Amino acid sequence: MAEKLKFFDIVAKKPFETDKYTVEIRTTKKGRKVKIAFAISPYTGKKIARILGPA
């Protein structure tokens, strides 16, 4: 089971905490690899991202 992470919905201006998220490794424009967690906001239903750090 994944640990709970805190996300912030900018549209609703409210934080939320969930363990239902996916982690992707993306490459930045400078060529660095970064881990990003994506979750669906319970307030707006939009996909919210949170940077977890370098991969």
Protein backbone atom coordinates (compact mmCIF):
# COMPACT_ATOMS: atom_id res chain seq x y z
CA MET A 1 0.00 0.00 0.00
CA ALA A 2 1.33 3.43 -0.94
CA GLU A 3 1.94 6.00 1.74
CA LYS A 4 -0.34 9.03 1.95
CA LEU A 5 0.90 12.19 0.27
CA LYS A 6 -0.35 15.74 0.58
CA PHE A 7 -1.42 17.59 -2.57
CA PHE A 8 -2.75 21.12 -3.06
CA ASP A 9 -5.60 21.94 -5.43
CA ILE A 10 -4.92 25.44 -6.73
CA VAL A 11 -8.41 25.90 -8.21
CA ALA A 12 -10.21 24.96 -4.96
CA LYS A 13 -7.44 26.52 -2.83
CA LYS A 14 -7.54 23.51 -0.50
CA PRO A 15 -5.03 20.81 0.42
CA PHE A 16 -5.95 17.13 0.41
CA GLU A 17 -4.24 13.90 1.38
CA THR A 18 -4.50 10.63 -0.55
CA ASP A 19 -2.81 7.31 -1.14
CA LYS A 20 -4.37 6.93 -4.62
CA TYR A 21 -1.72 8.40 -6.91
CA THR A 22 0.66 7.36 -9.66
CA VAL A 23 4.38 8.15 -9.82
CA GLU A 24 6.02 8.97 -13.14
CA ILE A 25 9.61 9.77 -14.01
CA ARG A 26 9.86 12.71 -16.38
CA THR A 27 12.84 14.40 -18.03
CA THR A 28 13.19 18.17 -17.68
CA LYS A 29 14.34 20.53 -20.40
CA LYS A 30 17.83 20.43 -18.88
CA GLY A 31 17.92 16.63 -19.11
CA ARG A 32 17.42 15.86 -15.42
CA LYS A 33 15.07 13.09 -14.36
CA VAL A 34 12.42 13.97 -11.76
CA LYS A 35 9.80 11.87 -9.94
CA ILE A 36 6.31 13.40 -10.05
CA ALA A 37 3.20 12.08 -8.29
CA PHE A 38 -0.22 12.61 -9.92
CA ALA A 39 -3.57 12.39 -8.10
CA ILE A 40 -7.17 13.33 -8.84
CA SER A 41 -8.53 16.12 -6.66
CA PRO A 42 -11.69 15.26 -4.70
CA TYR A 43 -12.79 18.92 -4.92
CA THR A 44 -12.54 19.63 -8.66
CA GLY A 45 -11.82 16.25 -10.27
CA LYS A 46 -8.70 17.64 -11.95
CA LYS A 47 -5.31 15.93 -12.15
CA ILE A 48 -2.93 17.45 -9.57
CA ALA A 49 0.86 17.03 -9.62
CA ARG A 50 3.42 17.05 -6.83
CA ILE A 51 7.18 16.91 -7.39
CA LEU A 52 8.81 14.24 -5.24
CA GLY A 53 12.45 14.94 -6.11
CA PRO A 54 15.20 13.62 -8.35
CA ALA A 55 14.89 10.11 -9.74
